[in-house]
Amino acid sequence: MNKNFIVVDDDSVNNLICRKVIKLVFPEADVLTFTNPEKALLFIKSIYTYSPGKTTIVLLDINMPILSGWDFLEEFEGFDTDVKERLKIYMLSSSTDQLDKDRANENKNVRGYIEKPLSKDSIAKIVF
């Protein structure tokens, strides 16, 4: 089974690191990266509304200009249930603030919280 990932982070260097780490653990994985969270939301809405059965892990940064990870989650909440069920969102952040971790854990659309930088161990623990 092919693994699908979407990384949403305004830092293109972090996106490159994520792609490399994911490919080390899952060499066959499809990894899409977005530096613009609005474009990521448009992509998800357009693709996942019409492609049944495709499960994808989303690694979402918290602190981004214009649209934060929290804003992204607010928009995502309005998506069809079928789309939300196929996207497993993990917050990926350099924040060590317990309030951010608590907020992520309290959000029903978030599966977990991963501290940057992404490691082979943290990506290997993610369950599809």
N, C-alpha and C. Protein backbone atom coordinates (compact mmCIF):
# COMPACT_ATOMS: atom_id res chain seq x y z
N MET A 1 0.84 -1.19 0.00
CA MET A 1 0.00 0.00 0.00
C MET A 1 0.88 1.24 0.00
N ASN A 2 0.60 2.16 -0.89
CA ASN A 2 1.37 3.39 -0.98
C ASN A 2 0.98 4.36 0.13
N LYS A 3 1.96 4.96 0.75
CA LYS A 3 1.72 5.94 1.82
C LYS A 3 1.67 7.33 1.20
N ASN A 4 0.73 8.13 1.65
CA ASN A 4 0.57 9.49 1.14
C ASN A 4 0.76 10.49 2.27
N PHE A 5 1.55 11.52 2.00
CA PHE A 5 1.81 12.57 2.98
C PHE A 5 1.62 13.94 2.34
N ILE A 6 1.10 14.88 3.12
CA ILE A 6 1.07 16.29 2.76
C ILE A 6 1.73 17.04 3.91
N VAL A 7 2.73 17.85 3.59
CA VAL A 7 3.41 18.66 4.59
C VAL A 7 3.03 20.11 4.32
N VAL A 8 2.49 20.78 5.35
CA VAL A 8 2.08 22.18 5.23
C VAL A 8 2.92 23.00 6.20
N ASP A 9 3.88 23.74 5.66
CA ASP A 9 4.79 24.55 6.48
C ASP A 9 5.32 25.67 5.60
N ASP A 10 5.32 26.89 6.13
CA ASP A 10 5.80 28.03 5.33
C ASP A 10 7.31 28.02 5.14
N ASP A 11 8.01 27.12 5.84
CA ASP A 11 9.46 27.02 5.74
C ASP A 11 9.83 25.92 4.73
N SER A 12 10.33 26.33 3.56
CA SER A 12 10.63 25.36 2.51
C SER A 12 11.78 24.43 2.91
N VAL A 13 12.70 24.89 3.76
CA VAL A 13 13.79 24.02 4.22
C VAL A 13 13.22 22.90 5.09
N ASN A 14 12.29 23.24 5.99
CA ASN A 14 11.67 22.20 6.80
C ASN A 14 10.89 21.22 5.92
N ASN A 15 10.24 21.71 4.88
CA ASN A 15 9.51 20.81 3.98
C ASN A 15 10.46 19.83 3.31
N LEU A 16 11.64 20.30 2.92
CA LEU A 16 12.64 19.44 2.31
C LEU A 16 13.12 18.38 3.31
N ILE A 17 13.38 18.80 4.54
CA ILE A 17 13.79 17.86 5.59
C ILE A 17 12.71 16.80 5.80
N CYS A 18 11.46 17.24 5.89
CA CYS A 18 10.34 16.29 6.08
C CYS A 18 10.28 15.28 4.94
N ARG A 19 10.40 15.77 3.71
CA ARG A 19 10.36 14.88 2.54
C ARG A 19 11.45 13.82 2.66
N LYS A 20 12.67 14.24 2.99
CA LYS A 20 13.80 13.30 3.08
C LYS A 20 13.60 12.29 4.20
N VAL A 21 13.14 12.73 5.35
CA VAL A 21 12.92 11.82 6.49
C VAL A 21 11.81 10.83 6.16
N ILE A 22 10.72 11.31 5.59
CA ILE A 22 9.61 10.42 5.23
C ILE A 22 10.09 9.37 4.24
N LYS A 23 10.87 9.78 3.24
CA LYS A 23 11.36 8.84 2.22
C LYS A 23 12.34 7.82 2.80
N LEU A 24 13.07 8.20 3.86
CA LEU A 24 13.96 7.23 4.52
C LEU A 24 13.15 6.11 5.16
N VAL A 25 12.02 6.47 5.77
CA VAL A 25 11.19 5.48 6.47
C VAL A 25 10.24 4.78 5.50
N PHE A 26 9.66 5.54 4.59
CA PHE A 26 8.70 5.00 3.61
C PHE A 26 9.19 5.37 2.20
N PRO A 27 10.13 4.61 1.63
CA PRO A 27 10.72 4.98 0.33
C PRO A 27 9.71 5.14 -0.81
N GLU A 28 8.61 4.43 -0.75
CA GLU A 28 7.60 4.50 -1.81
C GLU A 28 6.55 5.59 -1.59
N ALA A 29 6.70 6.36 -0.52
CA ALA A 29 5.67 7.34 -0.16
C ALA A 29 5.55 8.46 -1.19
N ASP A 30 4.33 8.94 -1.36
CA ASP A 30 4.07 10.15 -2.12
C ASP A 30 4.06 11.29 -1.11
N VAL A 31 4.90 12.29 -1.33
CA VAL A 31 5.01 13.42 -0.40
C VAL A 31 4.78 14.72 -1.16
N LEU A 32 3.71 15.41 -0.80
CA LEU A 32 3.43 16.73 -1.36
C LEU A 32 3.73 17.76 -0.28
N THR A 33 4.35 18.87 -0.67
CA THR A 33 4.62 19.92 0.31
C THR A 33 3.99 21.22 -0.16
N PHE A 34 3.52 21.98 0.81
CA PHE A 34 2.92 23.29 0.56
C PHE A 34 3.51 24.31 1.51
N THR A 35 3.98 25.44 0.99
CA THR A 35 4.42 26.53 1.84
C THR A 35 3.27 27.50 2.10
N ASN A 36 2.20 27.35 1.33
CA ASN A 36 1.02 28.20 1.47
C ASN A 36 -0.16 27.34 1.96
N PRO A 37 -0.59 27.53 3.20
CA PRO A 37 -1.67 26.69 3.74
C PRO A 37 -2.99 26.84 2.99
N GLU A 38 -3.26 28.01 2.42
CA GLU A 38 -4.49 28.20 1.66
C GLU A 38 -4.49 27.31 0.42
N LYS A 39 -3.34 27.21 -0.24
CA LYS A 39 -3.23 26.33 -1.42
C LYS A 39 -3.38 24.87 -1.02
N ALA A 40 -2.87 24.52 0.15
CA ALA A 40 -3.02 23.14 0.64
C ALA A 40 -4.50 22.81 0.87
N LEU A 41 -5.23 23.75 1.47
CA LEU A 41 -6.67 23.53 1.70
C LEU A 41 -7.42 23.39 0.38
N LEU A 42 -7.10 24.23 -0.60
CA LEU A 42 -7.75 24.13 -1.91
C LEU A 42 -7.44 22.79 -2.57
N PHE A 43 -6.19 22.36 -2.48
CA PHE A 43 -5.79 21.07 -3.04
C PHE A 43 -6.57 19.93 -2.38
N ILE A 44 -6.60 19.93 -1.05
CA ILE A 44 -7.29 18.88 -0.31
C ILE A 44 -8.76 18.84 -0.68
N LYS A 45 -9.39 20.00 -0.71
CA LYS A 45 -10.82 20.06 -1.04
C LYS A 45 -11.06 19.54 -2.46
N SER A 46 -10.23 19.93 -3.41
CA SER A 46 -10.46 19.54 -4.81
C SER A 46 -10.14 18.07 -5.05
N ILE A 47 -9.09 17.55 -4.44
CA ILE A 47 -8.68 16.16 -4.70
C ILE A 47 -9.45 15.15 -3.84
N TYR A 48 -9.56 15.41 -2.56
CA TYR A 48 -10.12 14.41 -1.65
C TYR A 48 -11.64 14.34 -1.69
N THR A 49 -12.27 15.35 -2.21
CA THR A 49 -13.72 15.29 -2.35
C THR A 49 -14.10 14.27 -3.43
N TYR A 50 -13.19 14.07 -4.40
CA TYR A 50 -13.51 13.21 -5.55
C TYR A 50 -12.65 11.97 -5.66
N SER A 51 -11.85 11.66 -4.66
CA SER A 51 -11.02 10.45 -4.75
C SER A 51 -11.24 9.57 -3.53
N PRO A 52 -12.21 8.69 -3.61
CA PRO A 52 -12.54 7.84 -2.47
C PRO A 52 -11.41 6.88 -2.10
N GLY A 53 -11.29 6.64 -0.80
CA GLY A 53 -10.37 5.61 -0.33
C GLY A 53 -8.94 6.01 -0.09
N LYS A 54 -8.54 7.19 -0.47
CA LYS A 54 -7.15 7.61 -0.34
C LYS A 54 -6.91 8.20 1.05
N THR A 55 -6.13 7.51 1.88
CA THR A 55 -5.82 8.00 3.22
C THR A 55 -4.47 8.70 3.19
N THR A 56 -4.38 9.86 3.82
CA THR A 56 -3.17 10.66 3.79
C THR A 56 -2.87 11.23 5.16
N ILE A 57 -1.57 11.26 5.49
CA ILE A 57 -1.09 11.90 6.70
C ILE A 57 -0.77 13.35 6.35
N VAL A 58 -1.27 14.28 7.15
CA VAL A 58 -0.96 15.70 6.98
C VAL A 58 -0.10 16.14 8.16
N LEU A 59 1.07 16.68 7.85
CA LEU A 59 1.94 17.26 8.87
C LEU A 59 1.76 18.76 8.77
N LEU A 60 1.20 19.36 9.81
CA LEU A 60 0.77 20.75 9.77
C LEU A 60 1.53 21.60 10.79
N ASP A 61 2.20 22.63 10.28
CA ASP A 61 2.89 23.58 11.16
C ASP A 61 1.86 24.45 11.85
N ILE A 62 2.21 24.96 13.03
CA ILE A 62 1.29 25.85 13.76
C ILE A 62 1.51 27.30 13.36
N ASN A 63 2.76 27.75 13.47
CA ASN A 63 3.06 29.17 13.28
C ASN A 63 3.43 29.49 11.84
N MET A 64 2.43 29.99 11.11
CA MET A 64 2.63 30.40 9.72
C MET A 64 1.95 31.76 9.54
N PRO A 65 2.52 32.60 8.68
CA PRO A 65 1.88 33.90 8.43
C PRO A 65 0.58 33.73 7.64
N ILE A 66 -0.27 34.67 7.72
CA ILE A 66 -1.56 34.74 7.01
C ILE A 66 -2.55 33.71 7.54
N LEU A 67 -2.22 32.43 7.45
CA LEU A 67 -3.12 31.38 7.91
C LEU A 67 -2.31 30.43 8.80
N SER A 68 -2.58 30.44 10.10
CA SER A 68 -1.84 29.57 11.03
C SER A 68 -2.39 28.14 10.94
N GLY A 69 -1.70 27.24 11.60
CA GLY A 69 -2.19 25.86 11.66
C GLY A 69 -3.56 25.78 12.31
N TRP A 70 -3.80 26.65 13.31
CA TRP A 70 -5.12 26.67 13.96
C TRP A 70 -6.19 27.16 12.98
N ASP A 71 -5.86 28.18 12.18
CA ASP A 71 -6.80 28.68 11.16
C ASP A 71 -7.09 27.58 10.13
N PHE A 72 -6.05 26.87 9.75
CA PHE A 72 -6.18 25.75 8.81
C PHE A 72 -7.18 24.74 9.35
N LEU A 73 -7.05 24.39 10.63
CA LEU A 73 -7.95 23.41 11.24
C LEU A 73 -9.39 23.92 11.29
N GLU A 74 -9.54 25.22 11.50
CA GLU A 74 -10.88 25.82 11.51
C GLU A 74 -11.55 25.66 10.13
N GLU A 75 -10.79 25.94 9.08
CA GLU A 75 -11.30 25.76 7.71
C GLU A 75 -11.60 24.28 7.44
N PHE A 76 -10.69 23.42 7.86
CA PHE A 76 -10.81 21.99 7.64
C PHE A 76 -12.06 21.43 8.30
N GLU A 77 -12.46 21.99 9.42
CA GLU A 77 -13.65 21.54 10.14
C GLU A 77 -14.89 21.60 9.25
N GLY A 78 -14.92 22.52 8.30
CA GLY A 78 -16.08 22.65 7.41
C GLY A 78 -16.10 21.67 6.25
N PHE A 79 -15.07 20.86 6.10
CA PHE A 79 -15.00 19.89 5.00
C PHE A 79 -15.98 18.73 5.24
N ASP A 80 -16.31 18.02 4.17
CA ASP A 80 -17.18 16.84 4.27
C ASP A 80 -16.57 15.82 5.23
N THR A 81 -17.40 15.11 5.94
CA THR A 81 -16.95 14.09 6.89
C THR A 81 -16.08 13.06 6.20
N ASP A 82 -16.44 12.65 4.99
CA ASP A 82 -15.67 11.65 4.24
C ASP A 82 -14.24 12.12 4.02
N VAL A 83 -14.07 13.39 3.71
CA VAL A 83 -12.74 13.96 3.49
C VAL A 83 -11.97 13.97 4.80
N LYS A 84 -12.60 14.42 5.87
CA LYS A 84 -11.95 14.51 7.18
C LYS A 84 -11.50 13.14 7.69
N GLU A 85 -12.27 12.10 7.38
CA GLU A 85 -11.94 10.76 7.85
C GLU A 85 -10.70 10.20 7.16
N ARG A 86 -10.40 10.68 5.96
CA ARG A 86 -9.27 10.15 5.19
C ARG A 86 -7.98 10.94 5.39
N LEU A 87 -8.06 12.04 6.10
CA LEU A 87 -6.87 12.84 6.37
C LEU A 87 -6.55 12.78 7.86
N LYS A 88 -5.38 12.31 8.17
CA LYS A 88 -4.95 12.18 9.57
C LYS A 88 -3.92 13.29 9.81
N ILE A 89 -4.35 14.29 10.58
CA ILE A 89 -3.52 15.48 10.78
C ILE A 89 -2.68 15.37 12.05
N TYR A 90 -1.41 15.64 11.89
CA TYR A 90 -0.47 15.72 13.01
C TYR A 90 0.11 17.12 13.01
N MET A 91 0.09 17.79 14.15
CA MET A 91 0.72 19.10 14.25
C MET A 91 2.23 18.86 14.31
N LEU A 92 2.96 19.58 13.50
CA LEU A 92 4.42 19.50 13.46
C LEU A 92 4.94 20.89 13.77
N SER A 93 5.52 21.07 14.95
CA SER A 93 5.85 22.43 15.35
C SER A 93 7.14 22.49 16.16
N SER A 94 7.79 23.64 16.09
CA SER A 94 8.96 23.87 16.93
C SER A 94 8.54 24.38 18.30
N SER A 95 7.25 24.64 18.48
CA SER A 95 6.74 25.13 19.76
C SER A 95 6.81 24.03 20.82
N THR A 96 7.37 24.39 21.95
CA THR A 96 7.38 23.46 23.08
C THR A 96 6.37 23.89 24.13
N ASP A 97 5.53 24.85 23.75
CA ASP A 97 4.51 25.40 24.64
C ASP A 97 3.45 24.34 24.94
N GLN A 98 3.26 24.05 26.22
CA GLN A 98 2.27 23.05 26.62
C GLN A 98 0.86 23.43 26.17
N LEU A 99 0.57 24.73 26.10
CA LEU A 99 -0.75 25.17 25.65
C LEU A 99 -1.01 24.74 24.20
N ASP A 100 0.03 24.83 23.34
CA ASP A 100 -0.11 24.37 21.96
C ASP A 100 -0.36 22.86 21.92
N LYS A 101 0.38 22.12 22.73
CA LYS A 101 0.21 20.66 22.76
C LYS A 101 -1.19 20.30 23.24
N ASP A 102 -1.65 21.00 24.29
CA ASP A 102 -2.99 20.74 24.82
C ASP A 102 -4.06 21.07 23.77
N ARG A 103 -3.89 22.21 23.12
CA ARG A 103 -4.86 22.64 22.10
C ARG A 103 -4.91 21.62 20.96
N ALA A 104 -3.77 21.11 20.56
CA ALA A 104 -3.72 20.10 19.50
C ALA A 104 -4.42 18.82 19.95
N ASN A 105 -4.13 18.39 21.17
CA ASN A 105 -4.73 17.16 21.69
C ASN A 105 -6.25 17.27 21.87
N GLU A 106 -6.73 18.49 22.08
CA GLU A 106 -8.17 18.70 22.28
C GLU A 106 -8.94 18.80 20.96
N ASN A 107 -8.23 18.97 19.85
CA ASN A 107 -8.88 19.11 18.55
C ASN A 107 -9.19 17.72 17.98
N LYS A 108 -10.46 17.47 17.68
CA LYS A 108 -10.87 16.13 17.22
C LYS A 108 -10.27 15.76 15.85
N ASN A 109 -9.79 16.76 15.10
CA ASN A 109 -9.20 16.47 13.79
C ASN A 109 -7.69 16.27 13.84
N VAL A 110 -7.11 16.37 15.04
CA VAL A 110 -5.66 16.21 15.18
C VAL A 110 -5.36 14.89 15.86
N ARG A 111 -4.48 14.10 15.23
CA ARG A 111 -4.12 12.77 15.76
C ARG A 111 -2.96 12.80 16.73
N GLY A 112 -2.13 13.85 16.65
CA GLY A 112 -0.97 13.91 17.53
C GLY A 112 -0.16 15.16 17.32
N TYR A 113 0.87 15.31 18.13
CA TYR A 113 1.73 16.49 18.12
C TYR A 113 3.17 16.01 18.00
N ILE A 114 3.87 16.52 17.00
CA ILE A 114 5.26 16.12 16.77
C ILE A 114 6.12 17.38 16.83
N GLU A 115 7.20 17.31 17.61
CA GLU A 115 8.12 18.45 17.68
C GLU A 115 9.12 18.38 16.54
N LYS A 116 9.40 19.57 15.95
CA LYS A 116 10.43 19.67 14.91
C LYS A 116 11.80 19.52 15.55
N PRO A 117 12.75 19.04 14.82
CA PRO A 117 12.63 18.56 13.44
C PRO A 117 12.04 17.16 13.41
N LEU A 118 11.40 16.84 12.30
CA LEU A 118 10.83 15.51 12.12
C LEU A 118 11.96 14.48 12.16
N SER A 119 11.74 13.40 12.88
CA SER A 119 12.76 12.34 12.96
C SER A 119 12.21 11.04 12.40
N LYS A 120 13.12 10.13 12.11
CA LYS A 120 12.71 8.81 11.62
C LYS A 120 11.83 8.12 12.65
N ASP A 121 12.18 8.26 13.93
CA ASP A 121 11.39 7.63 15.00
C ASP A 121 9.97 8.18 15.04
N SER A 122 9.83 9.51 14.97
CA SER A 122 8.49 10.09 15.09
C SER A 122 7.62 9.75 13.88
N ILE A 123 8.20 9.70 12.69
CA ILE A 123 7.41 9.37 11.50
C ILE A 123 7.06 7.88 11.48
N ALA A 124 7.94 7.05 12.00
CA ALA A 124 7.69 5.60 12.03
C ALA A 124 6.54 5.25 12.96
N LYS A 125 6.26 6.10 13.97
CA LYS A 125 5.20 5.83 14.94
C LYS A 125 3.81 6.21 14.41
N ILE A 126 3.78 6.95 13.32
CA ILE A 126 2.50 7.38 12.75
C ILE A 126 1.78 6.19 12.15
N VAL A 127 0.51 6.07 12.45
CA VAL A 127 -0.29 4.92 11.98
C VAL A 127 -1.25 5.38 10.89
N PHE A 128 -1.25 4.64 9.80
CA PHE A 128 -2.19 4.96 8.70
C PHE A 128 -3.52 4.33 8.97
